[in-house]
Amino acid sequence: MAAFQVSVMWLMANGYAPTITIASNPILFIAGLVLLPIWSAFHFYWAHRMLHVPFIYKRVHSLHHRNVNIGPWSGLSMHPIEHLVYLSSLLIHCVVPSHPVHLYFHVIYVGPGAAMTHTGYEDLLIKDRRRLALGTFYHQLHHRYYECNYGNQEMPWDRWFGTFHDGSDEGTKTTRARKKRMHAGNR
């Protein structure tokens, strides 16, 4: 992650990546802070779907899926190629005009994201009240069934693209049927 961040910062500092300032474009500056989490979630969904293509899965992503009972370290347990794919969302700053603050925000958003979605806990409870939704049951289902919940819980990509599993028996049946159809098509 540091290599991506340093590289993009160097490109920005040397005029190879488009930059803005708050003064030059305050609307784009604020929009960047709002849109970067949406971009990150979109990128993660499709990059994760790509990692499940059988050829790539077998050689790269299967290492991560050896973690069936997930915990924070399993979120970071990836093949080096998978790290490159995951962190490639930062390359948006090489194309879309942004400020170094956007890059820092983006790094902070994606950096702990993998660990947070693999905590092994659904929520952070304080005095029996839900204080922070960690959403790991959502991703736990992905590690259990593989062909569902590719994205993050914050964005509805899985619902929109038909890969959502809610943990119900009906969700399991739907996911298994989709998996059978996919594997039948790969023969």
N, C-alpha and C. Protein backbone atom coordinates (compact mmCIF):
# COMPACT_ATOMS: atom_id res chain seq x y z
N MET A 1 0.83 -1.18 0.00
CA MET A 1 0.00 0.00 0.00
C MET A 1 0.88 1.25 0.00
N ALA A 2 1.95 1.21 0.77
CA ALA A 2 2.86 2.35 0.81
C ALA A 2 3.45 2.62 -0.57
N ALA A 3 3.78 1.59 -1.31
CA ALA A 3 4.35 1.77 -2.64
C ALA A 3 3.34 2.45 -3.57
N PHE A 4 2.08 2.03 -3.52
CA PHE A 4 1.05 2.68 -4.32
C PHE A 4 0.92 4.15 -3.93
N GLN A 5 0.84 4.40 -2.62
CA GLN A 5 0.65 5.76 -2.15
C GLN A 5 1.83 6.65 -2.54
N VAL A 6 3.05 6.18 -2.32
CA VAL A 6 4.23 6.97 -2.65
C VAL A 6 4.29 7.22 -4.16
N SER A 7 3.98 6.21 -4.95
CA SER A 7 4.02 6.36 -6.41
C SER A 7 3.02 7.41 -6.88
N VAL A 8 1.80 7.32 -6.39
CA VAL A 8 0.78 8.28 -6.81
C VAL A 8 1.12 9.68 -6.31
N MET A 9 1.65 9.78 -5.10
CA MET A 9 2.06 11.09 -4.58
C MET A 9 3.17 11.68 -5.46
N TRP A 10 4.12 10.86 -5.88
CA TRP A 10 5.20 11.32 -6.74
C TRP A 10 4.64 11.81 -8.08
N LEU A 11 3.68 11.03 -8.64
CA LEU A 11 3.06 11.44 -9.91
C LEU A 11 2.34 12.77 -9.75
N MET A 12 1.64 12.94 -8.63
CA MET A 12 0.94 14.21 -8.39
C MET A 12 1.94 15.37 -8.25
N ALA A 13 2.99 15.15 -7.46
CA ALA A 13 3.97 16.20 -7.19
C ALA A 13 4.75 16.62 -8.43
N ASN A 14 4.89 15.71 -9.38
CA ASN A 14 5.67 16.00 -10.58
C ASN A 14 4.82 16.27 -11.82
N GLY A 15 3.52 16.47 -11.61
CA GLY A 15 2.65 16.88 -12.71
C GLY A 15 2.22 15.77 -13.65
N TYR A 16 2.43 14.53 -13.30
CA TYR A 16 2.02 13.42 -14.16
C TYR A 16 0.60 12.95 -13.85
N ALA A 17 0.08 13.31 -12.70
CA ALA A 17 -1.30 12.98 -12.33
C ALA A 17 -2.04 14.30 -12.12
N PRO A 18 -3.28 14.41 -12.61
CA PRO A 18 -4.01 15.67 -12.50
C PRO A 18 -4.36 15.98 -11.05
N THR A 19 -4.16 17.22 -10.65
CA THR A 19 -4.45 17.62 -9.28
C THR A 19 -5.36 18.84 -9.25
N ILE A 20 -6.01 19.01 -8.13
CA ILE A 20 -6.84 20.19 -7.87
C ILE A 20 -6.47 20.73 -6.50
N THR A 21 -6.93 21.93 -6.23
CA THR A 21 -6.84 22.48 -4.88
C THR A 21 -8.25 22.80 -4.41
N ILE A 22 -8.39 23.02 -3.14
CA ILE A 22 -9.71 23.38 -2.61
C ILE A 22 -10.14 24.71 -3.24
N ALA A 23 -9.22 25.64 -3.38
CA ALA A 23 -9.55 26.96 -3.94
C ALA A 23 -9.90 26.87 -5.42
N SER A 24 -9.19 26.03 -6.17
CA SER A 24 -9.43 25.97 -7.62
C SER A 24 -10.72 25.25 -7.98
N ASN A 25 -11.13 24.30 -7.16
CA ASN A 25 -12.33 23.54 -7.48
C ASN A 25 -12.96 22.97 -6.21
N PRO A 26 -13.62 23.81 -5.43
CA PRO A 26 -14.18 23.33 -4.15
C PRO A 26 -15.27 22.28 -4.32
N ILE A 27 -16.05 22.35 -5.40
CA ILE A 27 -17.12 21.36 -5.61
C ILE A 27 -16.52 19.99 -5.91
N LEU A 28 -15.54 19.93 -6.80
CA LEU A 28 -14.90 18.65 -7.11
C LEU A 28 -14.15 18.11 -5.88
N PHE A 29 -13.59 19.01 -5.08
CA PHE A 29 -12.89 18.58 -3.87
C PHE A 29 -13.86 17.87 -2.92
N ILE A 30 -15.00 18.48 -2.65
CA ILE A 30 -16.01 17.87 -1.75
C ILE A 30 -16.59 16.61 -2.40
N ALA A 31 -16.88 16.69 -3.69
CA ALA A 31 -17.43 15.52 -4.40
C ALA A 31 -16.47 14.34 -4.33
N GLY A 32 -15.18 14.59 -4.40
CA GLY A 32 -14.20 13.51 -4.30
C GLY A 32 -14.29 12.77 -2.98
N LEU A 33 -14.50 13.50 -1.91
CA LEU A 33 -14.61 12.85 -0.59
C LEU A 33 -15.88 12.02 -0.49
N VAL A 34 -16.93 12.44 -1.17
CA VAL A 34 -18.19 11.69 -1.15
C VAL A 34 -18.12 10.49 -2.09
N LEU A 35 -17.51 10.68 -3.26
CA LEU A 35 -17.52 9.64 -4.30
C LEU A 35 -16.43 8.58 -4.14
N LEU A 36 -15.35 8.88 -3.45
CA LEU A 36 -14.28 7.88 -3.31
C LEU A 36 -14.73 6.59 -2.64
N PRO A 37 -15.53 6.62 -1.56
CA PRO A 37 -16.01 5.35 -1.00
C PRO A 37 -16.90 4.57 -1.98
N ILE A 38 -17.67 5.29 -2.78
CA ILE A 38 -18.51 4.61 -3.78
C ILE A 38 -17.62 3.97 -4.84
N TRP A 39 -16.63 4.71 -5.32
CA TRP A 39 -15.67 4.16 -6.28
C TRP A 39 -14.97 2.93 -5.70
N SER A 40 -14.50 3.03 -4.47
CA SER A 40 -13.78 1.92 -3.84
C SER A 40 -14.64 0.68 -3.75
N ALA A 41 -15.91 0.86 -3.36
CA ALA A 41 -16.82 -0.28 -3.26
C ALA A 41 -17.10 -0.89 -4.63
N PHE A 42 -17.28 -0.04 -5.64
CA PHE A 42 -17.51 -0.51 -7.01
C PHE A 42 -16.29 -1.28 -7.52
N HIS A 43 -15.13 -0.70 -7.34
CA HIS A 43 -13.89 -1.36 -7.75
C HIS A 43 -13.70 -2.68 -7.04
N PHE A 44 -13.93 -2.70 -5.73
CA PHE A 44 -13.75 -3.93 -4.96
C PHE A 44 -14.70 -5.03 -5.45
N TYR A 45 -15.96 -4.67 -5.69
CA TYR A 45 -16.92 -5.67 -6.15
C TYR A 45 -16.44 -6.34 -7.44
N TRP A 46 -16.08 -5.53 -8.44
CA TRP A 46 -15.70 -6.11 -9.73
C TRP A 46 -14.33 -6.76 -9.70
N ALA A 47 -13.40 -6.21 -8.93
CA ALA A 47 -12.09 -6.87 -8.79
C ALA A 47 -12.25 -8.21 -8.09
N HIS A 48 -13.12 -8.25 -7.09
CA HIS A 48 -13.36 -9.49 -6.35
C HIS A 48 -14.04 -10.52 -7.25
N ARG A 49 -14.99 -10.07 -8.06
CA ARG A 49 -15.63 -11.00 -9.01
C ARG A 49 -14.58 -11.56 -9.97
N MET A 50 -13.66 -10.71 -10.43
CA MET A 50 -12.60 -11.16 -11.33
C MET A 50 -11.73 -12.21 -10.65
N LEU A 51 -11.44 -12.01 -9.37
CA LEU A 51 -10.60 -12.97 -8.64
C LEU A 51 -11.27 -14.33 -8.50
N HIS A 52 -12.57 -14.40 -8.73
CA HIS A 52 -13.29 -15.66 -8.66
C HIS A 52 -13.42 -16.36 -10.02
N VAL A 53 -12.86 -15.78 -11.07
CA VAL A 53 -12.77 -16.48 -12.35
C VAL A 53 -11.90 -17.71 -12.09
N PRO A 54 -12.35 -18.91 -12.46
CA PRO A 54 -11.64 -20.14 -12.05
C PRO A 54 -10.12 -20.12 -12.25
N PHE A 55 -9.64 -19.67 -13.40
CA PHE A 55 -8.20 -19.65 -13.65
C PHE A 55 -7.47 -18.80 -12.61
N ILE A 56 -8.01 -17.61 -12.32
CA ILE A 56 -7.38 -16.69 -11.36
C ILE A 56 -7.59 -17.19 -9.93
N TYR A 57 -8.79 -17.68 -9.68
CA TYR A 57 -9.09 -18.15 -8.32
C TYR A 57 -8.11 -19.25 -7.89
N LYS A 58 -7.92 -20.21 -8.77
CA LYS A 58 -7.06 -21.35 -8.45
C LYS A 58 -5.62 -20.92 -8.15
N ARG A 59 -5.13 -19.94 -8.89
CA ARG A 59 -3.73 -19.53 -8.78
C ARG A 59 -3.48 -18.38 -7.81
N VAL A 60 -4.52 -17.61 -7.48
CA VAL A 60 -4.31 -16.41 -6.68
C VAL A 60 -5.24 -16.35 -5.46
N HIS A 61 -6.53 -16.25 -5.70
CA HIS A 61 -7.48 -15.93 -4.63
C HIS A 61 -7.75 -17.10 -3.68
N SER A 62 -7.47 -18.31 -4.11
CA SER A 62 -7.72 -19.47 -3.22
C SER A 62 -6.91 -19.38 -1.93
N LEU A 63 -5.75 -18.73 -1.98
CA LEU A 63 -4.95 -18.52 -0.77
C LEU A 63 -5.76 -17.78 0.28
N HIS A 64 -6.44 -16.74 -0.12
CA HIS A 64 -7.26 -15.96 0.81
C HIS A 64 -8.43 -16.79 1.34
N HIS A 65 -9.02 -17.61 0.48
CA HIS A 65 -10.19 -18.40 0.88
C HIS A 65 -9.86 -19.61 1.73
N ARG A 66 -8.60 -19.85 1.98
CA ARG A 66 -8.26 -20.90 2.95
C ARG A 66 -8.71 -20.50 4.35
N ASN A 67 -8.96 -19.23 4.54
CA ASN A 67 -9.46 -18.70 5.81
C ASN A 67 -10.98 -18.83 5.84
N VAL A 68 -11.46 -19.94 6.35
CA VAL A 68 -12.90 -20.17 6.42
C VAL A 68 -13.48 -19.49 7.66
N ASN A 69 -12.78 -19.58 8.77
CA ASN A 69 -13.19 -18.92 10.00
C ASN A 69 -12.40 -17.61 10.08
N ILE A 70 -12.98 -16.55 9.55
CA ILE A 70 -12.23 -15.33 9.32
C ILE A 70 -11.92 -14.54 10.59
N GLY A 71 -10.82 -13.82 10.54
CA GLY A 71 -10.38 -12.90 11.58
C GLY A 71 -9.62 -11.78 10.90
N PRO A 72 -9.25 -10.72 11.63
CA PRO A 72 -8.62 -9.55 11.00
C PRO A 72 -7.40 -9.88 10.14
N TRP A 73 -6.57 -10.82 10.57
CA TRP A 73 -5.37 -11.13 9.79
C TRP A 73 -5.72 -11.85 8.49
N SER A 74 -6.83 -12.58 8.48
CA SER A 74 -7.21 -13.25 7.23
C SER A 74 -7.63 -12.24 6.17
N GLY A 75 -8.09 -11.06 6.59
CA GLY A 75 -8.43 -10.02 5.64
C GLY A 75 -7.22 -9.53 4.87
N LEU A 76 -6.05 -9.63 5.49
CA LEU A 76 -4.81 -9.18 4.86
C LEU A 76 -4.00 -10.34 4.28
N SER A 77 -4.49 -11.55 4.48
CA SER A 77 -3.81 -12.74 3.98
C SER A 77 -4.19 -12.94 2.52
N MET A 78 -3.39 -12.38 1.64
CA MET A 78 -3.67 -12.44 0.20
C MET A 78 -2.39 -12.74 -0.56
N HIS A 79 -2.57 -13.29 -1.73
CA HIS A 79 -1.49 -13.48 -2.68
C HIS A 79 -1.00 -12.08 -3.11
N PRO A 80 0.28 -11.89 -3.39
CA PRO A 80 0.77 -10.56 -3.81
C PRO A 80 0.01 -9.99 -5.01
N ILE A 81 -0.40 -10.81 -5.94
CA ILE A 81 -1.17 -10.32 -7.09
C ILE A 81 -2.52 -9.78 -6.63
N GLU A 82 -3.11 -10.44 -5.65
CA GLU A 82 -4.39 -9.97 -5.13
C GLU A 82 -4.24 -8.61 -4.46
N HIS A 83 -3.15 -8.40 -3.75
CA HIS A 83 -2.89 -7.09 -3.16
C HIS A 83 -2.83 -6.02 -4.25
N LEU A 84 -2.14 -6.33 -5.35
CA LEU A 84 -2.05 -5.37 -6.46
C LEU A 84 -3.43 -5.05 -7.04
N VAL A 85 -4.23 -6.08 -7.21
CA VAL A 85 -5.59 -5.88 -7.74
C VAL A 85 -6.42 -5.04 -6.77
N TYR A 86 -6.38 -5.41 -5.49
CA TYR A 86 -7.17 -4.71 -4.47
C TYR A 86 -6.76 -3.23 -4.39
N LEU A 87 -5.48 -2.97 -4.37
CA LEU A 87 -5.00 -1.60 -4.20
C LEU A 87 -5.03 -0.79 -5.50
N SER A 88 -5.29 -1.43 -6.63
CA SER A 88 -5.33 -0.69 -7.89
C SER A 88 -6.45 0.35 -7.92
N SER A 89 -7.37 0.29 -6.98
CA SER A 89 -8.40 1.35 -6.93
C SER A 89 -7.77 2.72 -6.69
N LEU A 90 -6.57 2.74 -6.10
CA LEU A 90 -5.88 4.01 -5.86
C LEU A 90 -5.42 4.68 -7.16
N LEU A 91 -5.35 3.90 -8.23
CA LEU A 91 -4.89 4.46 -9.51
C LEU A 91 -5.88 5.45 -10.11
N ILE A 92 -7.08 5.53 -9.57
CA ILE A 92 -8.06 6.51 -10.04
C ILE A 92 -7.49 7.92 -9.96
N HIS A 93 -6.58 8.13 -8.99
CA HIS A 93 -5.98 9.45 -8.79
C HIS A 93 -5.01 9.82 -9.91
N CYS A 94 -4.65 8.86 -10.75
CA CYS A 94 -3.79 9.13 -11.90
C CYS A 94 -4.59 9.63 -13.09
N VAL A 95 -5.92 9.49 -13.00
CA VAL A 95 -6.79 9.84 -14.12
C VAL A 95 -7.75 10.98 -13.77
N VAL A 96 -8.35 10.89 -12.58
CA VAL A 96 -9.33 11.88 -12.15
C VAL A 96 -8.63 12.94 -11.29
N PRO A 97 -8.79 14.20 -11.61
CA PRO A 97 -8.13 15.24 -10.82
C PRO A 97 -8.52 15.15 -9.34
N SER A 98 -7.51 15.13 -8.50
CA SER A 98 -7.75 15.02 -7.06
C SER A 98 -6.66 15.77 -6.31
N HIS A 99 -6.82 15.79 -5.02
CA HIS A 99 -5.89 16.48 -4.12
C HIS A 99 -5.21 15.40 -3.28
N PRO A 100 -4.00 15.64 -2.79
CA PRO A 100 -3.36 14.64 -1.92
C PRO A 100 -4.23 14.22 -0.73
N VAL A 101 -5.07 15.11 -0.25
CA VAL A 101 -6.00 14.75 0.84
C VAL A 101 -6.92 13.61 0.39
N HIS A 102 -7.35 13.64 -0.87
CA HIS A 102 -8.19 12.57 -1.40
C HIS A 102 -7.44 11.23 -1.36
N LEU A 103 -6.18 11.28 -1.76
CA LEU A 103 -5.38 10.06 -1.76
C LEU A 103 -5.23 9.52 -0.34
N TYR A 104 -4.92 10.39 0.61
CA TYR A 104 -4.79 9.95 2.01
C TYR A 104 -6.10 9.36 2.52
N PHE A 105 -7.20 10.04 2.22
CA PHE A 105 -8.52 9.55 2.61
C PHE A 105 -8.78 8.17 2.01
N HIS A 106 -8.45 8.02 0.75
CA HIS A 106 -8.66 6.75 0.03
C HIS A 106 -7.83 5.63 0.66
N VAL A 107 -6.57 5.92 0.97
CA VAL A 107 -5.69 4.92 1.60
C VAL A 107 -6.24 4.51 2.97
N ILE A 108 -6.69 5.49 3.74
CA ILE A 108 -7.25 5.18 5.06
C ILE A 108 -8.54 4.37 4.92
N TYR A 109 -9.30 4.63 3.87
CA TYR A 109 -10.54 3.89 3.64
C TYR A 109 -10.28 2.43 3.24
N VAL A 110 -9.37 2.20 2.28
CA VAL A 110 -9.13 0.83 1.81
C VAL A 110 -8.16 0.06 2.70
N GLY A 111 -7.23 0.76 3.34
CA GLY A 111 -6.22 0.09 4.15
C GLY A 111 -6.79 -0.81 5.22
N PRO A 112 -7.50 -0.25 6.19
CA PRO A 112 -8.07 -1.10 7.24
C PRO A 112 -9.33 -1.84 6.80
N GLY A 113 -9.84 -1.53 5.61
CA GLY A 113 -11.08 -2.15 5.15
C GLY A 113 -11.04 -3.66 5.14
N ALA A 114 -9.95 -4.23 4.64
CA ALA A 114 -9.85 -5.70 4.57
C ALA A 114 -9.87 -6.31 5.97
N ALA A 115 -9.17 -5.70 6.90
CA ALA A 115 -9.16 -6.22 8.27
C ALA A 115 -10.53 -6.05 8.93
N MET A 116 -11.16 -4.91 8.69
CA MET A 116 -12.47 -4.64 9.32
C MET A 116 -13.54 -5.62 8.87
N THR A 117 -13.54 -5.98 7.60
CA THR A 117 -14.58 -6.89 7.11
C THR A 117 -14.29 -8.34 7.47
N HIS A 118 -13.16 -8.59 8.09
CA HIS A 118 -12.78 -9.94 8.48
C HIS A 118 -12.58 -10.06 10.00
N THR A 119 -13.24 -9.22 10.77
CA THR A 119 -12.99 -9.23 12.22
C THR A 119 -13.49 -10.49 12.90
N GLY A 120 -14.47 -11.14 12.30
CA GLY A 120 -15.08 -12.29 12.95
C GLY A 120 -16.24 -11.91 13.85
N TYR A 121 -16.57 -10.62 13.89
CA TYR A 121 -17.68 -10.11 14.69
C TYR A 121 -18.63 -9.34 13.81
N GLU A 122 -19.91 -9.40 14.14
CA GLU A 122 -20.92 -8.68 13.37
C GLU A 122 -20.94 -7.20 13.72
N ASP A 123 -20.93 -6.89 15.01
CA ASP A 123 -21.04 -5.51 15.48
C ASP A 123 -20.10 -5.28 16.65
N LEU A 124 -19.76 -4.02 16.85
CA LEU A 124 -19.08 -3.62 18.07
C LEU A 124 -20.16 -3.18 19.04
N LEU A 125 -20.28 -3.91 20.15
CA LEU A 125 -21.29 -3.60 21.16
C LEU A 125 -20.63 -2.94 22.36
N ILE A 126 -21.24 -1.88 22.83
CA ILE A 126 -20.81 -1.23 24.06
C ILE A 126 -22.05 -1.10 24.92
N LYS A 127 -21.99 -1.69 26.12
CA LYS A 127 -23.15 -1.71 27.03
C LYS A 127 -24.37 -2.28 26.31
N ASP A 128 -24.17 -3.38 25.60
CA ASP A 128 -25.22 -4.09 24.87
C ASP A 128 -25.92 -3.27 23.80
N ARG A 129 -25.29 -2.21 23.34
CA ARG A 129 -25.86 -1.42 22.25
C ARG A 129 -24.91 -1.44 21.07
N ARG A 130 -25.48 -1.57 19.91
CA ARG A 130 -24.71 -1.60 18.67
C ARG A 130 -24.10 -0.22 18.42
N ARG A 131 -22.77 -0.16 18.41
CA ARG A 131 -22.09 1.12 18.22
C ARG A 131 -21.44 1.21 16.85
N LEU A 132 -21.06 0.07 16.29
CA LEU A 132 -20.40 0.08 14.98
C LEU A 132 -20.74 -1.23 14.26
N ALA A 133 -21.34 -1.10 13.09
CA ALA A 133 -21.65 -2.27 12.27
C ALA A 133 -20.39 -2.67 11.52
N LEU A 134 -19.88 -3.84 11.85
CA LEU A 134 -18.68 -4.33 11.16
C LEU A 134 -19.06 -5.17 9.94
N GLY A 135 -20.25 -5.76 9.97
CA GLY A 135 -20.78 -6.44 8.81
C GLY A 135 -20.05 -7.70 8.38
N THR A 136 -19.38 -8.36 9.29
CA THR A 136 -18.60 -9.51 8.88
C THR A 136 -19.43 -10.75 8.61
N PHE A 137 -20.64 -10.82 9.13
CA PHE A 137 -21.48 -11.97 8.79
C PHE A 137 -21.70 -11.99 7.28
N TYR A 138 -21.87 -10.82 6.72
CA TYR A 138 -22.04 -10.67 5.27
C TYR A 138 -20.84 -11.28 4.53
N HIS A 139 -19.64 -10.95 4.97
CA HIS A 139 -18.45 -11.48 4.31
C HIS A 139 -18.14 -12.92 4.74
N GLN A 140 -18.54 -13.27 5.95
CA GLN A 140 -18.40 -14.66 6.41
C GLN A 140 -19.16 -15.59 5.46
N LEU A 141 -20.33 -15.15 5.02
CA LEU A 141 -21.11 -15.95 4.07
C LEU A 141 -20.34 -16.10 2.75
N HIS A 142 -19.63 -15.08 2.35
CA HIS A 142 -18.82 -15.19 1.13
C HIS A 142 -17.75 -16.26 1.30
N HIS A 143 -17.09 -16.29 2.43
CA HIS A 143 -16.05 -17.30 2.67
C HIS A 143 -16.65 -18.70 2.78
N ARG A 144 -17.89 -18.78 3.20
CA ARG A 144 -18.53 -20.09 3.32
C ARG A 144 -19.03 -20.61 1.97
N TYR A 145 -19.65 -19.72 1.17
CA TYR A 145 -20.30 -20.15 -0.07
C TYR A 145 -19.57 -19.69 -1.34
N TYR A 146 -18.60 -18.82 -1.25
CA TYR A 146 -17.74 -18.37 -2.34
C TYR A 146 -18.42 -17.53 -3.42
N GLU A 147 -19.57 -17.94 -3.91
CA GLU A 147 -20.18 -17.28 -5.07
C GLU A 147 -21.28 -16.30 -4.66
N CYS A 148 -21.04 -15.55 -3.60
CA CYS A 148 -22.01 -14.55 -3.15
C CYS A 148 -21.27 -13.46 -2.37
N ASN A 149 -21.94 -12.35 -2.14
CA ASN A 149 -21.43 -11.26 -1.30
C ASN A 149 -20.00 -10.87 -1.65
N TYR A 150 -19.79 -10.52 -2.90
CA TYR A 150 -18.46 -10.12 -3.36
C TYR A 150 -18.09 -8.72 -2.89
N GLY A 151 -19.08 -7.89 -2.67
CA GLY A 151 -18.83 -6.50 -2.36
C GLY A 151 -18.84 -6.20 -0.87
N ASN A 152 -19.07 -4.93 -0.59
CA ASN A 152 -19.17 -4.46 0.78
C ASN A 152 -20.63 -4.25 1.13
N GLN A 153 -20.92 -4.30 2.40
CA GLN A 153 -22.29 -4.16 2.83
C GLN A 153 -22.81 -2.73 2.63
N GLU A 154 -21.90 -1.75 2.57
CA GLU A 154 -22.33 -0.35 2.46
C GLU A 154 -22.99 -0.03 1.13
N MET A 155 -22.62 -0.75 0.09
CA MET A 155 -23.16 -0.48 -1.24
C MET A 155 -23.96 -1.69 -1.72
N PRO A 156 -25.00 -1.45 -2.50
CA PRO A 156 -25.90 -2.54 -2.90
C PRO A 156 -25.47 -3.32 -4.14
N TRP A 157 -24.18 -3.35 -4.47
CA TRP A 157 -23.75 -4.01 -5.71
C TRP A 157 -24.22 -5.46 -5.76
N ASP A 158 -24.08 -6.20 -4.66
CA ASP A 158 -24.50 -7.60 -4.68
C ASP A 158 -25.99 -7.73 -4.92
N ARG A 159 -26.77 -6.87 -4.35
CA ARG A 159 -28.23 -6.91 -4.59
C ARG A 159 -28.51 -6.59 -6.05
N TRP A 160 -27.87 -5.56 -6.58
CA TRP A 160 -28.12 -5.12 -7.95
C TRP A 160 -27.66 -6.13 -8.98
N PHE A 161 -26.57 -6.87 -8.69
CA PHE A 161 -26.03 -7.79 -9.68
C PHE A 161 -26.34 -9.25 -9.37
N GLY A 162 -27.28 -9.48 -8.44
CA GLY A 162 -27.80 -10.82 -8.20
C GLY A 162 -26.88 -11.76 -7.45
N THR A 163 -25.95 -11.25 -6.65
CA THR A 163 -25.03 -12.12 -5.92
C THR A 163 -25.17 -11.98 -4.41
N PHE A 164 -26.29 -11.44 -3.96
CA PHE A 164 -26.51 -11.21 -2.53
C PHE A 164 -26.98 -12.49 -1.83
N HIS A 165 -26.44 -12.72 -0.66
CA HIS A 165 -26.88 -13.83 0.21
C HIS A 165 -27.13 -13.21 1.58
N ASP A 166 -28.36 -13.39 2.09
CA ASP A 166 -28.72 -12.77 3.36
C ASP A 166 -28.57 -13.69 4.56
N GLY A 167 -28.08 -14.91 4.34
CA GLY A 167 -27.89 -15.85 5.44
C GLY A 167 -29.08 -16.78 5.66
N SER A 168 -30.16 -16.58 4.92
CA SER A 168 -31.35 -17.42 5.07
C SER A 168 -31.18 -18.73 4.30
N ASP A 169 -32.04 -19.69 4.59
CA ASP A 169 -32.04 -20.95 3.85
C ASP A 169 -32.32 -20.70 2.37
N GLU A 170 -33.25 -19.77 2.10
CA GLU A 170 -33.57 -19.44 0.71
C GLU A 170 -32.36 -18.83 0.01
N GLY A 171 -31.62 -17.98 0.71
CA GLY A 171 -30.40 -17.39 0.16
C GLY A 171 -29.36 -18.46 -0.17
N THR A 172 -29.26 -19.46 0.70
CA THR A 172 -28.32 -20.56 0.45
C THR A 172 -28.72 -21.35 -0.78
N LYS A 173 -30.01 -21.63 -0.92
CA LYS A 173 -30.50 -22.36 -2.10
C LYS A 173 -30.21 -21.57 -3.38
N THR A 174 -30.47 -20.29 -3.36
CA THR A 174 -30.24 -19.44 -4.52
C THR A 174 -28.75 -19.41 -4.88
N THR A 175 -27.90 -19.27 -3.87
CA THR A 175 -26.45 -19.22 -4.10
C THR A 175 -25.95 -20.55 -4.66
N ARG A 176 -26.42 -21.64 -4.11
CA ARG A 176 -25.98 -22.96 -4.61
C ARG A 176 -26.45 -23.20 -6.04
N ALA A 177 -27.68 -22.76 -6.36
CA ALA A 177 -28.19 -22.92 -7.73
C ALA A 177 -27.36 -22.09 -8.70
N ARG A 178 -27.01 -20.86 -8.31
CA ARG A 178 -26.19 -20.00 -9.16
C ARG A 178 -24.82 -20.63 -9.37
N LYS A 179 -24.26 -21.21 -8.31
CA LYS A 179 -22.95 -21.85 -8.40
C LYS A 179 -23.00 -23.04 -9.36
N LYS A 180 -24.05 -23.84 -9.30
CA LYS A 180 -24.19 -24.98 -10.21
C LYS A 180 -24.29 -24.51 -11.66
N ARG A 181 -25.05 -23.43 -11.89
CA ARG A 181 -25.18 -22.89 -13.25
C ARG A 181 -23.82 -22.39 -13.76
N MET A 182 -23.07 -21.72 -12.89
CA MET A 182 -21.78 -21.18 -13.30
C MET A 182 -20.80 -22.31 -13.63
N HIS A 183 -20.78 -23.33 -12.79
CA HIS A 183 -19.84 -24.42 -13.02
C HIS A 183 -20.25 -25.27 -14.21
N ALA A 184 -21.54 -25.37 -14.48
CA ALA A 184 -22.00 -26.11 -15.65
C ALA A 184 -21.57 -25.38 -16.93
N GLY A 185 -21.56 -24.04 -16.86
CA GLY A 185 -21.14 -23.25 -18.02
C GLY A 185 -19.65 -23.27 -18.26
N ASN A 186 -18.85 -23.64 -17.27
CA ASN A 186 -17.39 -23.66 -17.40
C ASN A 186 -16.86 -25.01 -17.89
N ARG A 187 -17.71 -25.93 -18.15
CA ARG A 187 -17.25 -27.26 -18.58
C ARG A 187 -17.01 -27.32 -20.04
